Structure formats: C-alpha cells, structure tokens
C-alpha atoms as a PDB file:
ATOM      1  CA  MET A   1      -5.534  11.693 -22.322  1.00  0.00           C
ATOM      2  CA  ASN A   2      -2.313  12.008 -25.248  1.00  0.00           C
ATOM      3  CA  MET A   3       0.352  12.213 -22.283  1.00  0.00           C
ATOM      4  CA  LEU A   4       0.158   8.760 -21.794  1.00  0.00           C
ATOM      5  CA  LYS A   5       0.100   7.562 -25.150  1.00  0.00           C
ATOM      6  CA  ASP A   6       3.833   6.516 -25.317  1.00  0.00           C
ATOM      7  CA  ILE A   7       3.956   4.147 -21.961  1.00  0.00           C
ATOM      8  CA  LYS A   8       6.180   1.493 -22.884  1.00  0.00           C
ATOM      9  CA  GLY A   9       5.695   0.043 -18.896  1.00  0.00           C
ATOM     10  CA  VAL A  10       4.003   0.561 -15.756  1.00  0.00           C
ATOM     11  CA  ILE A  11       5.283   1.206 -11.962  1.00  0.00           C
ATOM     12  CA  PHE A  12       2.687   0.008  -9.322  1.00  0.00           C
ATOM     13  CA  ASP A  13       2.773   1.093  -5.681  1.00  0.00           C
ATOM     14  CA  TYR A  14       1.005  -1.914  -3.590  1.00  0.00           C
ATOM     15  CA  GLY A  15       0.065  -0.724   0.199  1.00  0.00           C
ATOM     16  CA  GLY A  16      -3.193   1.377  -0.329  1.00  0.00           C
ATOM     17  CA  THR A  17      -3.151   1.060  -4.387  1.00  0.00           C
ATOM     18  CA  ILE A  18      -3.612  -2.700  -4.969  1.00  0.00           C
ATOM     19  CA  ASP A  19      -4.673  -3.998  -1.919  1.00  0.00           C
ATOM     20  CA  THR A  20      -7.011  -1.176  -0.686  1.00  0.00           C
ATOM     21  CA  ASN A  21      -7.718   0.707  -4.014  1.00  0.00           C
ATOM     22  CA  SER A  22      -7.023   4.213  -2.334  1.00  0.00           C
ATOM     23  CA  ARG A  23      -8.037   3.703   1.091  1.00  0.00           C
ATOM     24  CA  HIS A  24      -4.928   4.085   3.581  1.00  0.00           C
ATOM     25  CA  TRP A  25      -4.602   1.750   5.774  1.00  0.00           C
ATOM     26  CA  ALA A  26      -4.799   3.753   9.174  1.00  0.00           C
ATOM     27  CA  GLU A  27      -8.529   4.178   7.426  1.00  0.00           C
ATOM     28  CA  VAL A  28      -9.553   0.783   6.974  1.00  0.00           C
ATOM     29  CA  LEU A  29      -8.347  -0.456   9.654  1.00  0.00           C
ATOM     30  CA  TRP A  30      -9.772   2.353  12.023  1.00  0.00           C
ATOM     31  CA  SER A  31     -13.155   1.117   9.712  1.00  0.00           C
ATOM     32  CA  LYS A  32     -12.803  -2.256  11.249  1.00  0.00           C
ATOM     33  CA  TYR A  33     -11.889  -1.229  15.154  1.00  0.00           C
ATOM     34  CA  ALA A  34     -15.390   0.621  14.670  1.00  0.00           C
ATOM     35  CA  GLU A  35     -17.268  -2.398  13.604  1.00  0.00           C
ATOM     36  CA  TYR A  36     -16.118  -4.648  15.755  1.00  0.00           C
ATOM     37  CA  HIS A  37     -16.471  -2.033  18.563  1.00  0.00           C
ATOM     38  CA  VAL A  38     -13.244  -1.702  20.271  1.00  0.00           C
ATOM     39  CA  PRO A  39     -13.460   1.066  22.964  1.00  0.00           C
ATOM     40  CA  VAL A  40     -10.768   3.677  21.840  1.00  0.00           C
ATOM     41  CA  ASP A  41     -11.433   6.801  20.086  1.00  0.00           C
ATOM     42  CA  LYS A  42      -9.615   7.541  16.675  1.00  0.00           C
ATOM     43  CA  GLU A  43      -7.010   9.477  18.089  1.00  0.00           C
ATOM     44  CA  SER A  44      -5.429   7.251  20.637  1.00  0.00           C
ATOM     45  CA  PHE A  45      -6.035   4.406  17.290  1.00  0.00           C
ATOM     46  CA  ARG A  46      -3.634   6.709  15.838  1.00  0.00           C
ATOM     47  CA  GLU A  47      -0.970   6.741  18.172  1.00  0.00           C
ATOM     48  CA  ALA A  48      -1.044   3.134  18.422  1.00  0.00           C
ATOM     49  CA  TYR A  49      -0.999   2.786  14.294  1.00  0.00           C
ATOM     50  CA  VAL A  50       1.825   4.754  14.281  1.00  0.00           C
ATOM     51  CA  PHE A  51       3.576   3.180  16.944  1.00  0.00           C
ATOM     52  CA  ALA A  52       2.718  -0.440  15.320  1.00  0.00           C
ATOM     53  CA  GLU A  53       4.169   0.816  11.827  1.00  0.00           C
ATOM     54  CA  ARG A  54       6.994   2.046  13.075  1.00  0.00           C
ATOM     55  CA  ALA A  55       8.390  -1.126  15.492  1.00  0.00           C
ATOM     56  CA  LEU A  56       7.717  -2.877  12.314  1.00  0.00           C
ATOM     57  CA  ALA A  57      10.515  -0.826  10.305  1.00  0.00           C
ATOM     58  CA  LYS A  58      12.815  -1.220  13.598  1.00  0.00           C
ATOM     59  CA  TYR A  59      12.965  -5.127  14.504  1.00  0.00           C
ATOM     60  CA  PRO A  60      12.298  -7.903  12.277  1.00  0.00           C
ATOM     61  CA  PHE A  61       8.534  -9.034  13.441  1.00  0.00           C
ATOM     62  CA  VAL A  62       7.658  -9.872   9.752  1.00  0.00           C
ATOM     63  CA  ARG A  63       9.742 -12.766   8.225  1.00  0.00           C
ATOM     64  CA  PRO A  64       9.547 -13.534   4.332  1.00  0.00           C
ATOM     65  CA  GLN A  65       7.310 -16.662   4.859  1.00  0.00           C
ATOM     66  CA  HIS A  66       4.799 -14.212   6.402  1.00  0.00           C
ATOM     67  CA  ASN A  67       1.491 -13.518   4.096  1.00  0.00           C
ATOM     68  CA  PHE A  68      -0.826 -10.547   4.372  1.00  0.00           C
ATOM     69  CA  HIS A  69      -3.153 -11.915   7.376  1.00  0.00           C
ATOM     70  CA  ASP A  70       0.262 -12.826   9.486  1.00  0.00           C
ATOM     71  CA  VAL A  71       1.314  -9.342   9.053  1.00  0.00           C
ATOM     72  CA  LEU A  72      -2.217  -8.010  10.352  1.00  0.00           C
ATOM     73  CA  SER A  73      -2.283 -10.214  12.694  1.00  0.00           C
ATOM     74  CA  ILE A  74       1.156  -8.732  14.060  1.00  0.00           C
ATOM     75  CA  LYS A  75      -0.144  -5.195  13.288  1.00  0.00           C
ATOM     76  CA  THR A  76      -3.250  -5.332  15.387  1.00  0.00           C
ATOM     77  CA  LYS A  77      -1.261  -7.231  18.648  1.00  0.00           C
ATOM     78  CA  LEU A  78       1.132  -4.456  18.369  1.00  0.00           C
ATOM     79  CA  GLN A  79      -1.641  -1.677  18.357  1.00  0.00           C
ATOM     80  CA  VAL A  80      -3.664  -3.446  21.091  1.00  0.00           C
ATOM     81  CA  GLU A  81      -0.786  -3.955  23.366  1.00  0.00           C
ATOM     82  CA  TYR A  82      -0.229  -0.563  23.316  1.00  0.00           C
ATOM     83  CA  LEU A  83      -3.441   0.604  23.970  1.00  0.00           C
ATOM     84  CA  ALA A  84      -3.648  -1.476  26.908  1.00  0.00           C
ATOM     85  CA  GLU A  85      -0.223  -0.234  27.770  1.00  0.00           C
ATOM     86  CA  GLN A  86      -1.113   2.939  28.037  1.00  0.00           C
ATOM     87  CA  GLY A  87      -4.497   2.755  30.006  1.00  0.00           C
ATOM     88  CA  LYS A  88      -6.444   2.950  26.763  1.00  0.00           C
ATOM     89  CA  LEU A  89      -7.663  -0.671  26.849  1.00  0.00           C
ATOM     90  CA  PRO A  90      -8.166  -3.349  29.607  1.00  0.00           C
ATOM     91  CA  MET A  91      -5.547  -5.021  30.573  1.00  0.00           C
ATOM     92  CA  ASP A  92      -7.151  -8.618  29.611  1.00  0.00           C
ATOM     93  CA  GLU A  93      -5.091 -10.757  27.596  1.00  0.00           C
ATOM     94  CA  ARG A  94      -8.024 -12.839  25.893  1.00  0.00           C
ATOM     95  CA  MET A  95      -9.932  -9.473  25.324  1.00  0.00           C
ATOM     96  CA  LEU A  96      -7.240  -7.923  23.557  1.00  0.00           C
ATOM     97  CA  GLN A  97      -6.360 -11.138  21.509  1.00  0.00           C
ATOM     98  CA  THR A  98     -10.556 -11.005  20.588  1.00  0.00           C
ATOM     99  CA  TYR A  99      -9.775  -7.585  19.537  1.00  0.00           C
ATOM    100  CA  ALA A 100      -6.609  -8.144  17.802  1.00  0.00           C
ATOM    101  CA  LYS A 101      -7.899 -11.473  15.683  1.00  0.00           C
ATOM    102  CA  GLN A 102     -11.213  -9.303  14.720  1.00  0.00           C
ATOM    103  CA  VAL A 103      -9.700  -6.834  13.227  1.00  0.00           C
ATOM    104  CA  ALA A 104      -7.243  -8.888  10.899  1.00  0.00           C
ATOM    105  CA  ASP A 105      -9.708 -11.198  10.281  1.00  0.00           C
ATOM    106  CA  GLY A 106     -12.143  -7.899   9.218  1.00  0.00           C
ATOM    107  CA  CYS A 107      -9.214  -6.229   7.082  1.00  0.00           C
ATOM    108  CA  TYR A 108      -7.968  -9.369   5.303  1.00  0.00           C
ATOM    109  CA  GLU A 109     -11.439 -10.214   4.141  1.00  0.00           C
ATOM    110  CA  TYR A 110     -11.877  -6.672   3.140  1.00  0.00           C
ATOM    111  CA  VAL A 111      -8.706  -6.987   0.683  1.00  0.00           C
ATOM    112  CA  LEU A 112     -10.241  -9.704  -0.750  1.00  0.00           C
ATOM    113  CA  ASP A 113     -13.247  -8.023  -1.844  1.00  0.00           C
ATOM    114  CA  VAL A 114     -11.303  -5.333  -3.270  1.00  0.00           C
ATOM    115  CA  LEU A 115      -8.968  -7.844  -5.003  1.00  0.00           C
ATOM    116  CA  LYS A 116     -12.239  -8.798  -6.798  1.00  0.00           C
ATOM    117  CA  VAL A 117     -11.820  -5.185  -8.598  1.00  0.00           C
ATOM    118  CA  THR A 118      -8.118  -4.628  -8.640  1.00  0.00           C
ATOM    119  CA  ARG A 119      -6.317  -8.040  -9.607  1.00  0.00           C
ATOM    120  CA  PRO A 120      -8.167  -8.243 -13.021  1.00  0.00           C
ATOM    121  CA  VAL A 121      -6.832  -4.376 -13.468  1.00  0.00           C
ATOM    122  CA  VAL A 122      -3.208  -5.548 -12.934  1.00  0.00           C
ATOM    123  CA  GLU A 123      -3.321  -8.851 -15.223  1.00  0.00           C
ATOM    124  CA  ALA A 124      -4.911  -6.811 -17.842  1.00  0.00           C
ATOM    125  CA  LEU A 125      -2.017  -4.610 -17.591  1.00  0.00           C
ATOM    126  CA  SER A 126       0.462  -7.210 -17.497  1.00  0.00           C
ATOM    127  CA  LYS A 127      -0.906  -8.501 -21.177  1.00  0.00           C
ATOM    128  CA  LYS A 128       0.153  -5.403 -22.900  1.00  0.00           C
ATOM    129  CA  TYR A 129       3.016  -4.093 -21.380  1.00  0.00           C
ATOM    130  CA  LYS A 130       5.762  -5.110 -18.294  1.00  0.00           C
ATOM    131  CA  LEU A 131       4.958  -4.132 -14.722  1.00  0.00           C
ATOM    132  CA  VAL A 132       7.017  -3.287 -12.008  1.00  0.00           C
ATOM    133  CA  LEU A 133       6.084  -2.900  -8.302  1.00  0.00           C
ATOM    134  CA  VAL A 134       7.740  -0.200  -6.320  1.00  0.00           C
ATOM    135  CA  SER A 135       6.805  -0.706  -2.115  1.00  0.00           C
ATOM    136  CA  ASN A 136       7.971   0.165   0.939  1.00  0.00           C
ATOM    137  CA  PHE A 137       7.358  -3.533   2.638  1.00  0.00           C
ATOM    138  CA  TYR A 138       8.591  -5.856   5.537  1.00  0.00           C
ATOM    139  CA  GLY A 139      10.750  -8.238   3.351  1.00  0.00           C
ATOM    140  CA  ASN A 140       7.986 -10.222   2.208  1.00  0.00           C
ATOM    141  CA  ILE A 141       6.133  -9.224  -0.545  1.00  0.00           C
ATOM    142  CA  GLN A 142       6.932 -11.684  -2.402  1.00  0.00           C
ATOM    143  CA  THR A 143       4.678 -14.277  -0.223  1.00  0.00           C
ATOM    144  CA  ILE A 144       1.924 -11.386  -0.343  1.00  0.00           C
ATOM    145  CA  LEU A 145       1.539 -11.354  -4.012  1.00  0.00           C
ATOM    146  CA  LYS A 146       2.082 -14.726  -4.599  1.00  0.00           C
ATOM    147  CA  ASP A 147      -0.542 -15.564  -2.002  1.00  0.00           C
ATOM    148  CA  PHE A 148      -3.133 -12.841  -3.765  1.00  0.00           C
ATOM    149  CA  GLY A 149      -2.417 -14.155  -6.891  1.00  0.00           C
ATOM    150  CA  LEU A 150      -0.426 -11.647  -8.154  1.00  0.00           C
ATOM    151  CA  TYR A 151       3.245 -12.645  -8.560  1.00  0.00           C
ATOM    152  CA  THR A 152       3.270 -13.749 -11.915  1.00  0.00           C
ATOM    153  CA  PHE A 153       1.973 -10.084 -13.533  1.00  0.00           C
ATOM    154  CA  PHE A 154       5.073  -8.649 -12.354  1.00  0.00           C
ATOM    155  CA  ASP A 155       8.571  -8.271 -14.308  1.00  0.00           C
ATOM    156  CA  ASP A 156      10.521  -6.751 -11.256  1.00  0.00           C
ATOM    157  CA  ILE A 157      10.069  -6.361  -7.502  1.00  0.00           C
ATOM    158  CA  ILE A 158      11.579  -3.418  -5.763  1.00  0.00           C
ATOM    159  CA  GLU A 159      10.812  -3.550  -1.963  1.00  0.00           C
ATOM    160  CA  SER A 160      12.157  -0.987   0.152  1.00  0.00           C
ATOM    161  CA  SER A 161      13.309  -3.384   2.880  1.00  0.00           C
ATOM    162  CA  VAL A 162      15.611  -5.080  -0.273  1.00  0.00           C
ATOM    163  CA  VAL A 163      17.081  -2.384  -1.620  1.00  0.00           C
ATOM    164  CA  GLY A 164      17.414  -0.326   1.829  1.00  0.00           C
ATOM    165  CA  VAL A 165      16.130   3.092   0.450  1.00  0.00           C
ATOM    166  CA  ARG A 166      12.268   3.949   1.045  1.00  0.00           C
ATOM    167  CA  LYS A 167       9.704   6.212  -0.208  1.00  0.00           C
ATOM    168  CA  PRO A 168       9.468   9.131  -0.611  1.00  0.00           C
ATOM    169  CA  ASP A 169      13.102   8.985  -1.409  1.00  0.00           C
ATOM    170  CA  PRO A 170      13.220   9.243  -5.356  1.00  0.00           C
ATOM    171  CA  ALA A 171      15.763   6.773  -5.574  1.00  0.00           C
ATOM    172  CA  ILE A 172      13.314   4.370  -5.073  1.00  0.00           C
ATOM    173  CA  TYR A 173      11.684   5.023  -8.416  1.00  0.00           C
ATOM    174  CA  ARG A 174      14.989   5.278 -10.262  1.00  0.00           C
ATOM    175  CA  LEU A 175      15.385   1.660  -9.091  1.00  0.00           C
ATOM    176  CA  GLY A 176      12.396   0.673 -10.529  1.00  0.00           C
ATOM    177  CA  VAL A 177      13.132   2.997 -14.105  1.00  0.00           C
ATOM    178  CA  GLU A 178      16.250   1.047 -14.367  1.00  0.00           C
ATOM    179  CA  ALA A 179      14.483  -2.449 -13.483  1.00  0.00           C
ATOM    180  CA  MET A 180      12.197  -1.553 -16.297  1.00  0.00           C
ATOM    181  CA  GLY A 181      14.655  -0.206 -18.960  1.00  0.00           C
ATOM    182  CA  TYR A 182      12.727   2.145 -20.610  1.00  0.00           C
ATOM    183  CA  GLU A 183      12.884   6.136 -20.338  1.00  0.00           C
ATOM    184  CA  ALA A 184      11.672   7.299 -17.493  1.00  0.00           C
ATOM    185  CA  CYS A 185       9.148   9.836 -19.440  1.00  0.00           C
ATOM    186  CA  LYS A 186       7.824   6.081 -20.881  1.00  0.00           C
ATOM    187  CA  VAL A 187       7.091   4.319 -17.340  1.00  0.00           C
ATOM    188  CA  LEU A 188       3.853   5.479 -15.919  1.00  0.00           C
ATOM    189  CA  VAL A 189       3.834   5.523 -12.041  1.00  0.00           C
ATOM    190  CA  VAL A 190       0.348   4.580 -10.500  1.00  0.00           C
ATOM    191  CA  GLY A 191      -0.282   5.120  -6.742  1.00  0.00           C
ATOM    192  CA  ASP A 192      -2.434   6.254  -3.756  1.00  0.00           C
ATOM    193  CA  SER A 193       0.000   8.777  -1.693  1.00  0.00           C
ATOM    194  CA  PHE A 194       0.626  12.420  -2.546  1.00  0.00           C
ATOM    195  CA  SER A 195       3.561  12.252  -0.643  1.00  0.00           C
ATOM    196  CA  LYS A 196       5.526   8.950  -1.282  1.00  0.00           C
ATOM    197  CA  ASP A 197       4.366   7.802  -4.905  1.00  0.00           C
ATOM    198  CA  VAL A 198       3.303  11.493  -6.869  1.00  0.00           C
ATOM    199  CA  VAL A 199       5.899  13.403  -6.001  1.00  0.00           C
ATOM    200  CA  PRO A 200       9.079  11.484  -6.106  1.00  0.00           C
ATOM    201  CA  ALA A 201       8.090   9.620  -8.840  1.00  0.00           C
ATOM    202  CA  LYS A 202       7.774  12.792 -10.722  1.00  0.00           C
ATOM    203  CA  GLN A 203      11.007  14.371  -9.210  1.00  0.00           C
ATOM    204  CA  VAL A 204      12.419  11.000 -11.594  1.00  0.00           C
ATOM    205  CA  GLY A 205      10.469  12.007 -14.747  1.00  0.00           C
ATOM    206  CA  CYS A 206       7.678   9.402 -14.789  1.00  0.00           C
ATOM    207  CA  PRO A 207       4.189  10.361 -15.656  1.00  0.00           C
ATOM    208  CA  VAL A 208       1.961   9.933 -12.776  1.00  0.00           C
ATOM    209  CA  VAL A 209      -1.658   8.696 -12.107  1.00  0.00           C
ATOM    210  CA  TRP A 210      -2.743   9.651  -8.547  1.00  0.00           C
ATOM    211  CA  LEU A 211      -5.114   7.382  -7.255  1.00  0.00           C
ATOM    212  CA  LYS A 212      -6.597   9.681  -4.831  1.00  0.00           C
ATOM    213  CA  GLY A 213      -8.990   7.999  -1.945  1.00  0.00           C
ATOM    214  CA  GLU A 214      -9.235   8.243   1.682  1.00  0.00           C
ATOM    215  CA  GLY A 215      -5.579   9.475   2.816  1.00  0.00           C
ATOM    216  CA  TRP A 216      -4.118   9.664   6.178  1.00  0.00           C
ATOM    217  CA  GLY A 217      -4.116  13.758   5.786  1.00  0.00           C
ATOM    218  CA  GLY A 218      -1.805  16.507   6.704  1.00  0.00           C
ATOM    219  CA  GLU A 219      -0.247  16.213   3.470  1.00  0.00           C
ATOM    220  CA  VAL A 220       0.332  19.725   1.585  1.00  0.00           C
ATOM    221  CA  ILE A 221      -1.490  18.641  -2.017  1.00  0.00           C
ATOM    222  CA  ASP A 222      -0.963  20.416  -5.710  1.00  0.00           C
ATOM    223  CA  GLU A 223      -3.271  19.057  -7.503  1.00  0.00           C
ATOM    224  CA  SER A 224      -1.778  19.966 -10.734  1.00  0.00           C
ATOM    225  CA  LEU A 225       1.223  17.759 -10.401  1.00  0.00           C
ATOM    226  CA  PRO A 226       0.527  14.164 -11.586  1.00  0.00           C
ATOM    227  CA  ASP A 227      -1.062  13.581 -15.014  1.00  0.00           C
ATOM    228  CA  VAL A 228      -3.984  12.311 -14.103  1.00  0.00           C
ATOM    229  CA  ILE A 229      -6.403  11.959 -10.654  1.00  0.00           C
ATOM    230  CA  ILE A 230      -8.951   8.897 -10.617  1.00  0.00           C
ATOM    231  CA  THR A 231     -10.373   7.591  -7.358  1.00  0.00           C
ATOM    232  CA  ASP A 232     -11.123   4.025  -8.701  1.00  0.00           C
ATOM    233  CA  LEU A 233      -8.177   1.785  -9.985  1.00  0.00           C
ATOM    234  CA  ALA A 234     -10.804   0.220 -12.434  1.00  0.00           C
ATOM    235  CA  GLY A 235     -10.642   3.479 -14.547  1.00  0.00           C
ATOM    236  CA  LEU A 236      -6.461   3.035 -15.124  1.00  0.00           C
ATOM    237  CA  PRO A 237      -7.051   0.519 -18.458  1.00  0.00           C
ATOM    238  CA  ALA A 238      -9.086   3.157 -20.479  1.00  0.00           C
ATOM    239  CA  LEU A 239      -6.355   5.738 -19.558  1.00  0.00           C
ATOM    240  CA  LEU A 240      -4.100   3.562 -21.779  1.00  0.00           C
ATOM    241  CA  SER A 241      -6.492   2.255 -24.241  1.00  0.00           C
END
C-alpha cells in the first residue's frame, strides 16, 4: 500500500466508523426494532429515523453533558412518538417508553461490543500518529469519547455543531487538516460514508480509507475514488505498518 507510506496523521470519522465498525446507524437501530418486536415496517421506521435526525439537528435536545446512552434514549423517544402520531404504533405511553428503552439499551450494548474491536485500533494508532476526530455531532462528542475511554487518543476534535459546518461540506475536513498541521497528502482520512467522508476528504486532497459496510443506500458509488477499501476497522493498522 505505497500510497499510505508517508502518512503523518489520521483523521477519523466517529459515527458509523468507530462506534459501529461500518454499519449505518439506521440499520443498527432497525435491527433492534426487529429484535424487540416493535410492530412497524422498515419504511415507517426509516421515516421516523429521518424525522428524529432532523429534529436533533434543529433543536437542542442533546446537551453537552449527555453521554451516548442519553443520545440513544432521546432518539428512540422521538422515533416512537413520531410513529404513534402517524398511527403506526398504539398511542400507549407506557408501551412507547418500553420500546424506546429496549432499543436504546440494546444499541448501547451493541456499541460496547463493537468498541472491543475498534477501541484498540484507535489506541494503537494514537501511539504512532497524531489523531484528529472529524464528526457531524450534537455538541457532546467529548462527553461520549470520555464515556467510552477514547478521548485521550485524539489530539483535536472537529465537531460540526461547534465549528458550524457539516459533512459533506469539504470545509470541515479542511479544518481537520489544519488542526493536524500537516499537508493534506500526508493526512489519512478513515470513514464509513462514501458521500460524507470519502468524497469531501478527497476534495481536500487527503488519501482515504473507506470503511465499507451496511450503508443507508441511495448513494452513487465510485469505488475507484478511495485509496483503500476495508470492511473492518481491525484491518487498518496493517495498512500503515
């Protein structure tokens, strides 16, 4: 992998990369809806997922002190309440709370299991490279990183809600490169989203490892664009050795 031989620093995406190891969060959530027998179809769930994400982006439901379980609880509550309002779930407050809690708890446990694989990767690379996190998030990414024992591995954090620019705008990756202090060609970007990570990072001039997995769908994909494609973050250190 000669294109990665001169790497000085690594920019990581967070959601879908470190926390789920390539699975889009909609798919993780949907798997828990199915596991706990929440009686809705996938298309209805997708509508609720989009509604909740837009609400979280527009209103300050998430506070800086909220950890990831808090975020999941807020998301799932918004989702099931939307589904009830649309007539897709019974308007039964206790039942809705039960569904939301089961899904949130299940997703949180899922992330704890994934971190057994991904956290050692980040830790190992932090000992050899400068690391920067670039993430679309709600203003509480530092709390989440501390909760999961990841915070000390990163030299800087570029969070969309803090810097005022969101992926796929390449400007957020320019900020990451500036924080790194190296030429873009020596800064590796690692992310799961083709449109939000691969495309803007390449526009900035960074080499990119695409963590390809279970995506949202509907993206136009050009697999020649990323420098390397992997399906498990555990394979990343070997590319840089």
